[in-house]
Amino acid sequence: MYLKRLLALLCSLALVFCLVPSTAFASGGNGNIDGGGGGMGQGTSSNFWNPGNDGVRITVVDAASGAAVSSPLDFSNRTQKSSILHFGKVNKLQYLSGTGLSLQSGVAYSCIKPAQSMPTIVSSKGQSNIDAIKRYFCSEYACMMVAQAAGVDYERMIAGEYKLLIEPIAYFTHNGQYYCMTATEAGLYDQMSGGNLRRTMTSLTHKNLPLSMFLEFSNLGISAWTGNTTRTQNNSDIINTLGVGIVWFDEAPPEGDIEAPDVEYRVDTDVITSVTLRTDTDLTPDNPASVTFHILDTTYRVNDVVIPAGDSQVVWVKWHTPTTPQTVTITVSVSGAYTAQDTFVAEIVDLNEHIPPDPVATDTNPGYTVPSLPNETQKLTANWGVWSCYWVPVWVWCDHGEDGGHWVDEGYWEYEYTGYSASISGVMSLMPDDIVPTASGKSMKSGYGVKQDVTATLSTDAPTSHITHPQTAFSVFPEFQYETYLRLLQRVSSGRSAKFTFQPNEFSTYSREVHFTPIWFPDATNYTVFTQVWDTWTPDGMLSINLNDYVSIDGSLYDDWYTNRE
């Protein structure tokens, strides 16, 4: 209801990010929503983009004339290096008016990191969440943030005098140098470089970045986009039309924080959603409670819930998530009792979007320092229980005098609580790949592949309807500071004791199930992989465990190559 009320009453949004048809908004605004994009492919060590490393450039403009009333401002969820190569704070309208592209050599770059993070702006698979973007940029928080940063009057902004010109930004490495570019700047730069940017960064700079936002109807002199929304675009269309959105307000946005999801699930996964049911009166088989979960297009009903007065019990449903990333709103209807929360927002994500780039033999990283292992939370045990109820008869003789009598059962309901528990344990083995020619035990030269075996075991006294088995495991790596990139492991055996390995590596000549260590990794150093096992669900939440193991690096594959040459 919050999102429907927000869109219907408060703002008009000219952002493009999803594949649903547009709708008309009340209060003088129209929906202007569309989007596209696609997969990102793979980068190299000299040309790559880290998914999530994006932002927006916002300029406050006069709603009638389009004239800027503030300087453009850049916002990013990540702290960006001041030494990044950039072209200044120039917006699309300025470029269309004749401002030339000018590299700001030696000029420090600055951007604002919002206290409340923005949603994904540039998707790695063309499936960004338009609802989340609307909630963010139509919120009181975002409106006030921009007004304060730009030095403009907030009241005049929400009264409709100003519009926000919003342009997506990508921060990426091109030919070994770190750049900040809007879609317009990427198109202009590619023209200047004779197509070099398009040759190396096509999926980002000429598809997903420009298609992340565009206008559904013409505004401020920028034409609506009616062309293809899934393929690579040319420089002319990018410069003139793509990579821009417009926001304006008809009334004040609602107060309060940005809505965040209540729970995160993975795609194509068995999960458990639970609520805690409470009662002030005895719930018995004669007057039990019931709970109904509404998830996507399916209704799940749990009947005959019995609980003693003043107590509680967790009630749950097991279901399977969709195969594509999306936001799902789960509603809960309760009869005969009450619960503290009856609506849940579930974010369903795909972990297979952040595959590391192709390592090459010319990679170097002279200033590298081995990072500490992540300190991620884990949940190793869970406890829950279920109430049952049975009748204890107490037979009392009812005397009718000369007419005799009869027995009356004046018994009572007795409650019994059955508790359950679950725990997760795991082991991990990281070893040199079997075909590494000079490996010895856990010692190997850098540049070769490592293999991994993970076993996660669930121990529980609960029925299978109460739990899911371990389903998801993924690894992060020290060369990326245990951030940005991960490898989603494949589950090679399931059940209470599930086993996981690396997926076949697409950069491996023989499709080995490995991860390649960087050739520049320091000698006499342990190369440690950090792995998390998730999605072992119980009524008491998700069990998870953190594991790690290492191989010792001694030399590089160059040593083997030169030895063979000699």
Protein backbone atom coordinates (compact mmCIF):
# COMPACT_ATOMS: atom_id res chain seq x y z
CA MET A 1 0.00 0.00 0.00
CA TYR A 2 2.84 2.40 0.77
CA LEU A 3 4.32 2.14 -2.72
CA LYS A 4 0.92 2.41 -4.42
CA ARG A 5 0.04 5.50 -2.38
CA LEU A 6 3.47 7.02 -3.04
CA LEU A 7 3.26 6.59 -6.79
CA ALA A 8 -0.37 7.64 -7.07
CA LEU A 9 -0.12 10.85 -5.07
CA LEU A 10 3.31 12.26 -4.77
CA CYS A 11 5.70 12.32 -7.65
CA SER A 12 6.27 11.98 -11.32
CA LEU A 13 9.28 9.95 -12.28
CA ALA A 14 11.01 9.90 -15.65
CA LEU A 15 13.37 7.07 -14.79
CA VAL A 16 13.90 4.02 -16.93
CA PHE A 17 14.80 0.70 -15.40
CA CYS A 18 12.24 -2.03 -15.79
CA LEU A 19 10.27 -3.99 -18.32
CA VAL A 20 6.75 -3.15 -17.15
CA PRO A 21 4.39 -0.84 -19.04
CA SER A 22 3.93 2.74 -17.87
CA THR A 23 1.01 3.92 -15.78
CA ALA A 24 -0.43 7.38 -15.22
CA PHE A 25 0.09 9.03 -11.83
CA ALA A 26 -2.32 11.46 -10.19
CA SER A 27 -1.50 15.03 -9.05
CA GLY A 28 -0.48 16.23 -12.48
CA GLY A 29 2.31 13.73 -13.15
CA ASN A 30 2.72 10.87 -15.59
CA GLY A 31 4.70 7.69 -15.27
CA ASN A 32 7.62 7.64 -17.65
CA ILE A 33 9.16 4.24 -17.08
CA ASP A 34 10.96 1.82 -19.35
CA GLY A 35 14.29 0.07 -19.49
CA GLY A 36 16.49 -2.62 -20.85
CA GLY A 37 20.00 -3.97 -20.95
CA GLY A 38 21.49 -7.42 -20.72
CA GLY A 39 24.39 -9.53 -19.50
CA MET A 40 27.75 -7.94 -18.90
CA GLY A 41 30.08 -10.62 -20.28
CA GLN A 42 33.57 -10.77 -18.79
CA GLY A 43 36.29 -8.20 -18.31
CA THR A 44 40.05 -8.42 -18.19
CA SER A 45 42.58 -7.18 -15.65
CA SER A 46 42.97 -3.94 -17.63
CA ASN A 47 39.34 -3.41 -18.65
CA PHE A 48 36.67 -4.26 -16.10
CA TRP A 49 33.76 -2.96 -14.08
CA ASN A 50 32.72 -4.16 -10.64
CA PRO A 51 28.92 -4.59 -10.43
CA GLY A 52 27.52 -2.16 -7.91
CA ASN A 53 30.23 0.42 -8.55
CA ASP A 54 27.82 3.00 -9.89
CA GLY A 55 26.13 6.25 -8.98
CA VAL A 56 24.16 9.18 -10.33
CA ARG A 57 24.84 12.77 -11.39
CA ILE A 58 21.99 15.04 -10.30
CA THR A 59 21.38 18.59 -11.47
CA VAL A 60 18.51 20.69 -10.12
CA VAL A 61 16.91 22.54 -13.06
CA ASP A 62 14.05 24.98 -13.48
CA ALA A 63 10.90 23.00 -14.27
CA ALA A 64 9.74 25.42 -16.95
CA SER A 65 12.92 26.43 -18.76
CA GLY A 66 15.30 23.58 -17.94
CA ALA A 67 17.95 26.09 -16.88
CA ALA A 68 20.26 24.77 -14.16
CA VAL A 69 19.67 26.21 -10.69
CA SER A 70 22.51 24.18 -9.17
CA SER A 71 25.84 22.73 -10.18
CA PRO A 72 25.76 19.01 -11.02
CA LEU A 73 26.43 16.75 -8.03
CA ASP A 74 27.66 13.14 -8.07
CA PHE A 75 26.35 10.56 -5.60
CA SER A 76 27.75 7.03 -5.09
CA ASN A 77 27.32 4.35 -2.44
CA ARG A 78 31.08 3.75 -2.54
CA THR A 79 33.85 6.09 -1.52
CA GLN A 80 35.64 6.97 -4.75
CA LYS A 81 39.31 7.82 -5.16
CA SER A 82 40.00 11.53 -5.60
CA SER A 83 42.60 10.56 -8.23
CA ILE A 84 40.03 8.98 -10.54
CA LEU A 85 40.09 10.24 -14.13
CA HIS A 86 36.98 12.30 -14.84
CA PHE A 87 35.56 15.05 -17.04
CA GLY A 88 34.30 17.41 -14.38
CA LYS A 89 30.69 17.84 -13.28
CA VAL A 90 28.97 18.43 -16.62
CA ASN A 91 25.41 17.28 -17.30
CA LYS A 92 23.75 16.03 -20.47
CA LEU A 93 21.97 19.33 -21.20
CA GLN A 94 25.32 21.14 -21.09
CA TYR A 95 26.90 18.65 -23.49
CA LEU A 96 23.92 18.96 -25.83
CA SER A 97 24.35 22.75 -25.73
CA GLY A 98 27.91 22.47 -27.00
CA THR A 99 30.15 21.96 -23.97
CA GLY A 100 33.12 19.88 -25.04
CA LEU A 101 34.51 16.82 -23.28
CA SER A 102 37.54 17.83 -21.22
CA LEU A 103 39.64 15.47 -19.10
CA GLN A 104 40.28 17.10 -15.71
CA SER A 105 43.96 16.27 -15.36
CA GLY A 106 45.16 16.80 -11.82
CA VAL A 107 41.75 17.97 -10.55
CA ALA A 108 40.57 15.90 -7.59
CA TYR A 109 37.23 14.15 -8.00
CA SER A 110 34.58 14.35 -5.31
CA CYS A 111 31.23 12.68 -4.80
CA ILE A 112 28.67 12.39 -2.02
CA LYS A 113 28.05 9.11 -0.24
CA PRO A 114 24.41 8.99 0.89
CA ALA A 115 23.79 8.02 4.49
CA GLN A 116 21.05 5.72 3.22
CA SER A 117 22.38 3.72 0.29
CA MET A 118 20.88 4.10 -3.16
CA PRO A 119 19.51 1.02 -4.93
CA THR A 120 21.43 -0.50 -7.84
CA ILE A 121 21.53 2.02 -10.69
CA VAL A 122 23.39 0.11 -13.42
CA SER A 123 22.50 -3.57 -13.44
CA SER A 124 24.96 -6.20 -14.55
CA LYS A 125 22.08 -8.13 -16.12
CA GLY A 126 19.61 -5.43 -17.06
CA GLN A 127 17.21 -6.29 -14.24
CA SER A 128 17.35 -3.40 -11.80
CA ASN A 129 14.53 -2.81 -9.36
CA ILE A 130 12.49 0.16 -10.58
CA ASP A 131 10.26 0.06 -7.51
CA ALA A 132 13.26 0.46 -5.22
CA ILE A 133 14.56 3.36 -7.33
CA LYS A 134 11.18 5.09 -7.19
CA ARG A 135 10.93 4.68 -3.44
CA TYR A 136 14.39 6.15 -3.05
CA PHE A 137 14.23 9.20 -5.32
CA CYS A 138 10.61 10.01 -4.39
CA SER A 139 11.38 9.90 -0.67
CA GLU A 140 11.68 12.82 1.70
CA TYR A 141 15.21 11.71 2.49
CA ALA A 142 16.46 11.84 -1.11
CA CYS A 143 14.67 15.10 -1.84
CA MET A 144 16.16 16.81 1.21
CA MET A 145 19.59 15.30 0.52
CA VAL A 146 19.70 16.80 -2.96
CA ALA A 147 18.25 20.15 -1.86
CA GLN A 148 20.80 20.54 0.93
CA ALA A 149 23.75 19.41 -1.17
CA ALA A 150 22.73 21.65 -4.10
CA GLY A 151 21.88 24.64 -1.91
CA VAL A 152 18.35 25.03 -3.28
CA ASP A 153 15.05 25.61 -1.52
CA TYR A 154 13.42 22.34 -0.50
CA GLU A 155 9.92 23.84 -0.37
CA ARG A 156 10.22 25.17 -3.91
CA MET A 157 11.45 21.77 -5.07
CA ILE A 158 8.52 19.83 -3.64
CA ALA A 159 6.11 22.52 -4.92
CA GLY A 160 7.08 21.56 -8.46
CA GLU A 161 9.26 24.56 -9.39
CA TYR A 162 12.34 22.41 -9.91
CA LYS A 163 13.10 19.12 -11.59
CA LEU A 164 15.95 16.72 -10.94
CA LEU A 165 17.99 15.74 -13.98
CA ILE A 166 19.44 12.34 -13.07
CA GLU A 167 22.18 10.60 -15.05
CA PRO A 168 23.62 7.16 -14.26
CA ILE A 169 27.37 6.96 -13.61
CA ALA A 170 29.72 4.00 -13.88
CA TYR A 171 33.13 3.79 -12.20
CA PHE A 172 35.35 1.37 -14.11
CA THR A 173 38.88 0.51 -15.21
CA HIS A 174 39.76 1.08 -18.87
CA ASN A 175 43.23 0.31 -20.23
CA GLY A 176 44.47 0.04 -16.66
CA GLN A 177 43.16 3.48 -15.57
CA TYR A 178 40.22 4.18 -13.29
CA TYR A 179 37.48 6.37 -14.82
CA CYS A 180 34.21 8.02 -13.86
CA MET A 181 31.76 8.52 -16.76
CA THR A 182 28.11 9.22 -17.36
CA ALA A 183 26.59 7.50 -20.39
CA THR A 184 26.86 10.76 -22.34
CA GLU A 185 30.55 11.09 -21.48
CA ALA A 186 31.16 7.47 -22.49
CA GLY A 187 29.64 8.16 -25.92
CA LEU A 188 31.68 11.35 -26.37
CA TYR A 189 34.88 9.70 -25.17
CA ASP A 190 34.38 6.76 -27.53
CA GLN A 191 34.05 9.18 -30.42
CA MET A 192 37.30 10.88 -29.41
CA SER A 193 39.15 7.59 -28.97
CA GLY A 194 38.11 6.16 -32.32
CA GLY A 195 35.91 3.47 -30.82
CA ASN A 196 38.46 2.14 -28.33
CA LEU A 197 36.06 2.29 -25.37
CA ARG A 198 33.34 0.40 -27.20
CA ARG A 199 35.83 -2.32 -28.21
CA THR A 200 36.87 -3.02 -24.61
CA MET A 201 33.85 -2.09 -22.46
CA THR A 202 30.90 -2.67 -24.81
CA SER A 203 28.42 -4.27 -22.42
CA LEU A 204 28.88 -1.54 -19.82
CA THR A 205 29.41 1.72 -21.70
CA HIS A 206 27.26 1.04 -24.77
CA LYS A 207 24.48 -1.12 -23.36
CA ASN A 208 23.73 -1.36 -19.64
CA LEU A 209 24.90 2.14 -18.64
CA PRO A 210 22.98 4.10 -21.31
CA LEU A 211 19.94 1.80 -21.12
CA SER A 212 19.73 2.04 -17.34
CA MET A 213 17.76 5.30 -17.67
CA PHE A 214 15.94 7.00 -20.54
CA LEU A 215 12.76 8.99 -21.09
CA GLU A 216 9.51 7.40 -22.08
CA PHE A 217 8.18 10.78 -23.23
CA SER A 218 10.16 13.81 -24.38
CA ASN A 219 11.08 16.41 -21.76
CA LEU A 220 13.54 19.30 -21.33
CA GLY A 221 14.44 19.02 -24.99
CA ILE A 222 15.53 15.39 -24.70
CA SER A 223 13.62 12.96 -26.88
CA ALA A 224 11.90 9.85 -25.65
CA TRP A 225 13.63 6.58 -26.50
CA THR A 226 11.67 4.21 -28.70
CA GLY A 227 14.51 2.06 -29.99
CA ASN A 228 15.81 -1.36 -29.00
CA THR A 229 16.33 -1.88 -25.27
CA THR A 230 18.48 -5.02 -25.17
CA ARG A 231 21.29 -4.45 -27.66
CA THR A 232 24.45 -2.34 -27.87
CA GLN A 233 23.72 1.29 -28.77
CA ASN A 234 25.59 3.73 -31.01
CA ASN A 235 27.33 6.88 -29.79
CA SER A 236 24.87 9.27 -31.38
CA ASP A 237 21.84 7.78 -29.62
CA ILE A 238 23.71 7.58 -26.32
CA ILE A 239 24.79 11.23 -26.48
CA ASN A 240 21.44 12.61 -27.61
CA THR A 241 18.85 10.43 -25.90
CA LEU A 242 20.00 7.69 -23.52
CA GLY A 243 21.36 7.68 -19.99
CA VAL A 244 19.04 10.24 -18.38
CA GLY A 245 15.98 10.39 -16.13
CA ILE A 246 13.86 13.24 -14.78
CA VAL A 247 12.11 13.50 -11.41
CA TRP A 248 9.71 16.19 -10.24
CA PHE A 249 7.31 16.53 -7.34
CA ASP A 250 3.71 17.69 -7.14
CA GLU A 251 3.42 17.41 -3.36
CA ALA A 252 5.72 16.80 -0.44
CA PRO A 253 7.13 13.26 -0.26
CA PRO A 254 6.23 11.15 2.77
CA GLU A 255 8.28 11.35 5.92
CA GLY A 256 10.35 8.43 7.10
CA ASP A 257 13.28 6.31 6.04
CA ILE A 258 13.78 4.42 2.82
CA GLU A 259 12.08 1.04 2.92
CA ALA A 260 14.58 -1.77 3.11
CA PRO A 261 13.79 -5.44 2.52
CA ASP A 262 12.95 -7.48 5.59
CA VAL A 263 14.70 -10.57 4.30
CA GLU A 264 16.97 -11.57 1.43
CA TYR A 265 16.60 -14.86 -0.40
CA ARG A 266 18.53 -16.37 -3.32
CA VAL A 267 16.92 -17.28 -6.63
CA ASP A 268 15.67 -20.85 -7.20
CA THR A 269 16.01 -21.83 -3.54
CA ASP A 270 13.88 -23.57 -0.90
CA VAL A 271 13.27 -21.10 1.92
CA ILE A 272 11.20 -20.78 5.08
CA THR A 273 9.20 -17.69 6.02
CA SER A 274 7.97 -17.58 9.61
CA VAL A 275 5.99 -15.38 12.00
CA THR A 276 5.62 -15.51 15.76
CA LEU A 277 2.01 -15.99 16.80
CA ARG A 278 0.82 -14.70 20.22
CA THR A 279 -2.42 -15.07 22.15
CA ASP A 280 -4.01 -13.70 25.31
CA THR A 281 -6.48 -16.59 25.60
CA ASP A 282 -6.14 -20.35 25.35
CA LEU A 283 -6.13 -21.61 21.79
CA THR A 284 -7.41 -25.18 21.79
CA PRO A 285 -8.60 -27.68 19.17
CA ASP A 286 -12.09 -26.27 19.82
CA ASN A 287 -10.98 -22.71 18.94
CA PRO A 288 -7.57 -22.86 17.19
CA ALA A 289 -5.79 -20.13 15.28
CA SER A 290 -4.92 -20.21 11.62
CA VAL A 291 -2.31 -18.36 9.57
CA THR A 292 -2.41 -17.70 5.84
CA PHE A 293 0.69 -16.67 3.87
CA HIS A 294 0.17 -14.92 0.52
CA ILE A 295 3.35 -15.30 -1.57
CA LEU A 296 3.41 -14.43 -5.27
CA ASP A 297 0.34 -16.16 -6.73
CA THR A 298 0.12 -18.88 -4.09
CA THR A 299 -1.70 -19.04 -0.75
CA TYR A 300 -0.33 -21.23 2.05
CA ARG A 301 -2.60 -21.93 5.05
CA VAL A 302 -1.53 -23.31 8.42
CA ASN A 303 -4.51 -24.51 10.45
CA ASP A 304 -5.19 -25.83 13.95
CA VAL A 305 -2.56 -23.83 15.81
CA VAL A 306 -2.92 -24.27 19.59
CA ILE A 307 -1.13 -22.10 22.15
CA PRO A 308 -1.73 -21.53 25.89
CA ALA A 309 -2.84 -18.07 26.97
CA GLY A 310 -0.01 -15.57 27.28
CA ASP A 311 2.40 -17.67 25.26
CA SER A 312 3.59 -17.81 21.64
CA GLN A 313 4.71 -20.11 18.86
CA VAL A 314 6.50 -19.67 15.57
CA VAL A 315 4.41 -20.57 12.51
CA TRP A 316 6.04 -21.01 9.13
CA VAL A 317 5.72 -21.99 5.50
CA LYS A 318 8.29 -23.59 3.22
CA TRP A 319 8.32 -22.35 -0.39
CA HIS A 320 10.57 -22.08 -3.45
CA THR A 321 11.82 -18.73 -4.76
CA PRO A 322 11.55 -17.65 -8.42
CA THR A 323 14.44 -18.18 -10.83
CA THR A 324 14.90 -14.46 -11.53
CA PRO A 325 15.87 -11.60 -9.18
CA GLN A 326 12.91 -9.56 -7.97
CA THR A 327 11.19 -8.02 -4.97
CA VAL A 328 8.35 -10.05 -3.44
CA THR A 329 5.87 -8.69 -0.92
CA ILE A 330 4.63 -11.38 1.47
CA THR A 331 1.43 -10.75 3.42
CA VAL A 332 0.18 -12.75 6.39
CA SER A 333 -3.44 -13.09 7.55
CA VAL A 334 -4.07 -14.35 11.08
CA SER A 335 -7.30 -15.64 12.61
CA GLY A 336 -7.72 -16.27 16.34
CA ALA A 337 -4.42 -14.70 17.46
CA TYR A 338 -2.07 -11.88 16.50
CA THR A 339 1.45 -11.26 15.21
CA ALA A 340 3.71 -8.22 15.34
CA GLN A 341 4.30 -8.09 11.58
CA ASP A 342 1.94 -9.06 8.79
CA THR A 343 3.84 -7.80 5.73
CA PHE A 344 7.35 -8.74 4.63
CA VAL A 345 9.40 -7.41 1.72
CA ALA A 346 11.70 -10.13 0.39
CA GLU A 347 14.54 -9.27 -1.97
CA ILE A 348 15.43 -12.21 -4.20
CA VAL A 349 18.98 -11.94 -5.57
CA ASP A 350 21.25 -13.84 -7.93
CA LEU A 351 24.74 -14.45 -6.56
CA ASN A 352 26.00 -15.64 -9.92
CA GLU A 353 26.31 -12.05 -11.21
CA HIS A 354 29.72 -11.26 -9.77
CA ILE A 355 32.15 -13.68 -11.42
CA PRO A 356 35.83 -12.61 -11.24
CA PRO A 357 37.41 -11.33 -14.48
CA ASP A 358 39.82 -13.32 -16.62
CA PRO A 359 43.33 -13.28 -15.12
CA VAL A 360 46.14 -12.73 -17.60
CA ALA A 361 49.87 -13.37 -17.46
CA THR A 362 50.72 -9.65 -17.68
CA ASP A 363 48.79 -8.74 -14.50
CA THR A 364 50.76 -6.83 -11.87
CA ASN A 365 49.87 -5.35 -8.50
CA PRO A 366 53.04 -3.93 -6.90
CA GLY A 367 51.34 -2.19 -3.97
CA TYR A 368 49.28 -5.18 -2.89
CA THR A 369 48.90 -6.08 0.77
CA VAL A 370 47.33 -9.36 1.85
CA PRO A 371 44.02 -8.51 3.60
CA SER A 372 42.65 -9.95 6.81
CA LEU A 373 39.88 -12.52 6.56
CA PRO A 374 36.34 -11.11 6.61
CA ASN A 375 34.50 -11.04 9.93
CA GLU A 376 31.07 -12.06 8.65
CA THR A 377 28.29 -13.07 11.01
CA GLN A 378 27.21 -16.69 11.06
CA LYS A 379 24.38 -18.60 12.70
CA LEU A 380 25.42 -22.08 13.75
CA THR A 381 22.40 -23.15 15.82
CA ALA A 382 18.64 -22.66 15.81
CA ASN A 383 15.92 -23.51 18.33
CA TRP A 384 12.14 -23.52 18.01
CA GLY A 385 9.16 -25.56 19.09
CA VAL A 386 5.51 -26.44 18.56
CA TRP A 387 2.64 -26.55 21.04
CA SER A 388 0.23 -29.49 21.09
CA CYS A 389 -2.87 -29.93 23.20
CA TYR A 390 -4.71 -32.92 24.61
CA TRP A 391 -7.75 -33.38 26.77
CA VAL A 392 -7.40 -34.59 30.35
CA PRO A 393 -10.77 -36.10 31.40
CA VAL A 394 -12.10 -35.56 34.91
CA TRP A 395 -15.31 -37.56 35.33
CA VAL A 396 -17.77 -36.24 37.90
CA TRP A 397 -21.00 -38.00 38.91
CA CYS A 398 -24.06 -35.85 38.56
CA ASP A 399 -26.69 -37.18 41.00
CA HIS A 400 -30.37 -36.79 39.99
CA GLY A 401 -31.73 -38.24 43.22
CA GLU A 402 -34.43 -40.88 42.73
CA ASP A 403 -33.95 -40.54 38.97
CA GLY A 404 -30.40 -41.70 39.25
CA GLY A 405 -27.61 -39.63 37.62
CA HIS A 406 -24.96 -39.50 34.99
CA TRP A 407 -21.29 -38.93 34.60
CA VAL A 408 -20.04 -35.56 33.39
CA ASP A 409 -16.58 -34.96 31.99
CA GLU A 410 -15.28 -31.77 33.63
CA GLY A 411 -11.78 -32.22 32.31
CA TYR A 412 -9.40 -29.63 30.87
CA TRP A 413 -6.95 -29.07 28.02
CA GLU A 414 -3.33 -29.85 28.79
CA TYR A 415 -0.56 -28.26 26.69
CA GLU A 416 2.71 -29.86 25.75
CA TYR A 417 5.64 -28.09 24.09
CA THR A 418 7.94 -30.06 21.78
CA GLY A 419 11.24 -28.31 21.22
CA TYR A 420 13.48 -28.77 18.20
CA SER A 421 16.99 -27.70 17.39
CA ALA A 422 19.34 -27.63 14.42
CA SER A 423 23.01 -26.92 13.95
CA ILE A 424 25.37 -26.65 11.01
CA SER A 425 28.99 -27.71 10.76
CA GLY A 426 31.37 -27.74 7.86
CA VAL A 427 34.82 -28.49 6.53
CA MET A 428 36.68 -26.97 3.62
CA SER A 429 39.71 -28.14 1.69
CA LEU A 430 41.64 -25.86 -0.69
CA MET A 431 44.32 -27.62 -2.75
CA PRO A 432 46.30 -27.07 -5.96
CA ASP A 433 44.47 -28.35 -9.01
CA ASP A 434 45.36 -31.94 -9.91
CA ILE A 435 47.09 -30.87 -13.13
CA VAL A 436 49.42 -28.29 -11.54
CA PRO A 437 52.80 -29.81 -12.59
CA THR A 438 54.98 -28.58 -9.72
CA ALA A 439 52.58 -28.61 -6.76
CA SER A 440 53.66 -30.37 -3.59
CA GLY A 441 50.97 -30.94 -0.98
CA LYS A 442 49.50 -27.51 -0.20
CA SER A 443 52.43 -25.67 -1.79
CA MET A 444 52.21 -24.34 -5.35
CA LYS A 445 53.35 -21.56 -7.64
CA SER A 446 51.10 -18.58 -8.33
CA GLY A 447 49.21 -18.37 -11.60
CA TYR A 448 47.89 -21.92 -11.42
CA GLY A 449 44.40 -23.01 -10.38
CA VAL A 450 43.19 -24.14 -6.98
CA LYS A 451 40.33 -26.57 -6.38
CA GLN A 452 37.97 -26.57 -3.45
CA ASP A 453 35.84 -29.12 -1.63
CA VAL A 454 33.28 -27.96 0.93
CA THR A 455 31.03 -30.18 3.02
CA ALA A 456 28.25 -28.64 5.13
CA THR A 457 26.31 -30.89 7.48
CA LEU A 458 22.95 -30.19 9.11
CA SER A 459 22.24 -31.91 12.40
CA THR A 460 18.65 -31.75 13.63
CA ASP A 461 15.91 -33.68 15.43
CA ALA A 462 13.18 -31.93 13.42
CA PRO A 463 11.02 -33.38 10.64
CA THR A 464 11.92 -32.46 7.08
CA SER A 465 8.93 -30.11 6.92
CA HIS A 466 10.75 -27.92 9.45
CA ILE A 467 14.04 -27.48 7.61
CA THR A 468 15.86 -27.18 4.32
CA HIS A 469 19.20 -28.78 3.61
CA PRO A 470 22.34 -26.70 2.88
CA GLN A 471 21.86 -25.22 -0.59
CA THR A 472 24.21 -22.31 -1.30
CA ALA A 473 27.95 -21.78 -0.96
CA PHE A 474 30.17 -19.06 -2.40
CA SER A 475 33.78 -17.96 -2.10
CA VAL A 476 35.61 -14.63 -2.08
CA PHE A 477 39.30 -14.09 -2.71
CA PRO A 478 42.23 -12.14 -1.28
CA GLU A 479 43.31 -10.52 -4.59
CA PHE A 480 39.98 -8.64 -4.53
CA GLN A 481 40.23 -7.80 -0.80
CA TYR A 482 37.48 -10.41 -0.22
CA GLU A 483 35.03 -7.99 -1.87
CA THR A 484 33.29 -7.27 -5.20
CA TYR A 485 33.73 -10.65 -6.90
CA LEU A 486 32.61 -14.08 -5.77
CA ARG A 487 32.31 -17.56 -7.16
CA LEU A 488 29.02 -19.29 -6.56
CA LEU A 489 29.86 -22.94 -5.93
CA GLN A 490 28.05 -25.87 -7.49
CA ARG A 491 26.33 -28.37 -5.21
CA VAL A 492 27.57 -31.79 -6.27
CA SER A 493 25.60 -33.75 -3.67
CA SER A 494 22.58 -32.70 -1.61
CA GLY A 495 20.89 -33.81 1.57
CA ARG A 496 21.75 -33.11 5.17
CA SER A 497 25.42 -33.42 4.30
CA ALA A 498 25.83 -31.38 1.14
CA LYS A 499 29.03 -31.06 -0.87
CA PHE A 500 30.16 -28.10 -3.00
CA THR A 501 32.97 -27.42 -5.46
CA PHE A 502 33.93 -24.62 -7.83
CA GLN A 503 31.93 -24.48 -11.03
CA PRO A 504 33.83 -25.19 -14.27
CA ASN A 505 35.97 -22.13 -14.98
CA GLU A 506 35.12 -20.58 -18.35
CA PHE A 507 38.68 -19.28 -18.63
CA SER A 508 40.16 -22.74 -18.17
CA THR A 509 41.36 -24.44 -21.35
CA TYR A 510 40.13 -27.77 -20.01
CA SER A 511 37.05 -26.41 -18.13
CA ARG A 512 38.65 -27.27 -14.82
CA GLU A 513 36.63 -26.66 -11.64
CA VAL A 514 39.15 -24.16 -10.32
CA HIS A 515 39.88 -20.57 -9.44
CA PHE A 516 43.14 -19.19 -10.85
CA THR A 517 45.50 -17.54 -8.39
CA PRO A 518 46.94 -14.22 -9.64
CA ILE A 519 50.43 -14.57 -11.02
CA TRP A 520 51.59 -11.55 -9.01
CA PHE A 521 50.53 -12.96 -5.62
CA PRO A 522 53.42 -12.52 -3.13
CA ASP A 523 55.85 -15.39 -2.57
CA ALA A 524 56.07 -17.13 0.80
CA THR A 525 52.47 -16.12 1.51
CA ASN A 526 49.35 -18.13 2.21
CA TYR A 527 46.64 -17.70 -0.41
CA THR A 528 43.45 -18.06 1.67
CA VAL A 529 39.96 -18.44 0.24
CA PHE A 530 36.95 -17.47 2.38
CA THR A 531 33.74 -19.45 1.84
CA GLN A 532 30.25 -19.04 3.28
CA VAL A 533 27.53 -21.69 3.26
CA TRP A 534 23.99 -20.28 3.31
CA ASP A 535 20.38 -21.27 2.83
CA THR A 536 19.93 -23.92 5.48
CA TRP A 537 16.55 -22.63 6.62
CA THR A 538 14.67 -23.34 9.84
CA PRO A 539 11.64 -21.72 11.51
CA ASP A 540 14.24 -19.87 13.63
CA GLY A 541 15.94 -18.36 10.59
CA MET A 542 18.78 -19.31 8.26
CA LEU A 543 21.78 -21.27 9.49
CA SER A 544 25.11 -20.24 7.98
CA ILE A 545 28.75 -21.07 8.50
CA ASN A 546 32.03 -19.42 7.51
CA LEU A 547 34.96 -21.55 6.36
CA ASN A 548 38.44 -20.89 5.03
CA ASP A 549 41.53 -22.77 3.87
CA TYR A 550 44.80 -21.92 2.14
CA VAL A 551 47.56 -22.98 -0.18
CA SER A 552 51.13 -21.72 0.20
CA ILE A 553 52.58 -19.70 -2.69
CA ASP A 554 56.20 -20.35 -3.57
CA GLY A 555 57.27 -18.79 -6.88
CA SER A 556 55.15 -18.33 -10.01
CA LEU A 557 54.37 -20.33 -13.12
CA TYR A 558 56.98 -18.18 -14.91
CA ASP A 559 59.57 -20.24 -13.00
CA ASP A 560 58.22 -23.44 -14.54
CA TRP A 561 58.05 -21.86 -18.00
CA TYR A 562 61.64 -20.63 -17.93
CA THR A 563 62.86 -23.93 -16.51
CA ASN A 564 61.20 -25.79 -19.36
CA ARG A 565 62.65 -23.36 -21.89
CA GLU A 566 66.15 -23.96 -20.57
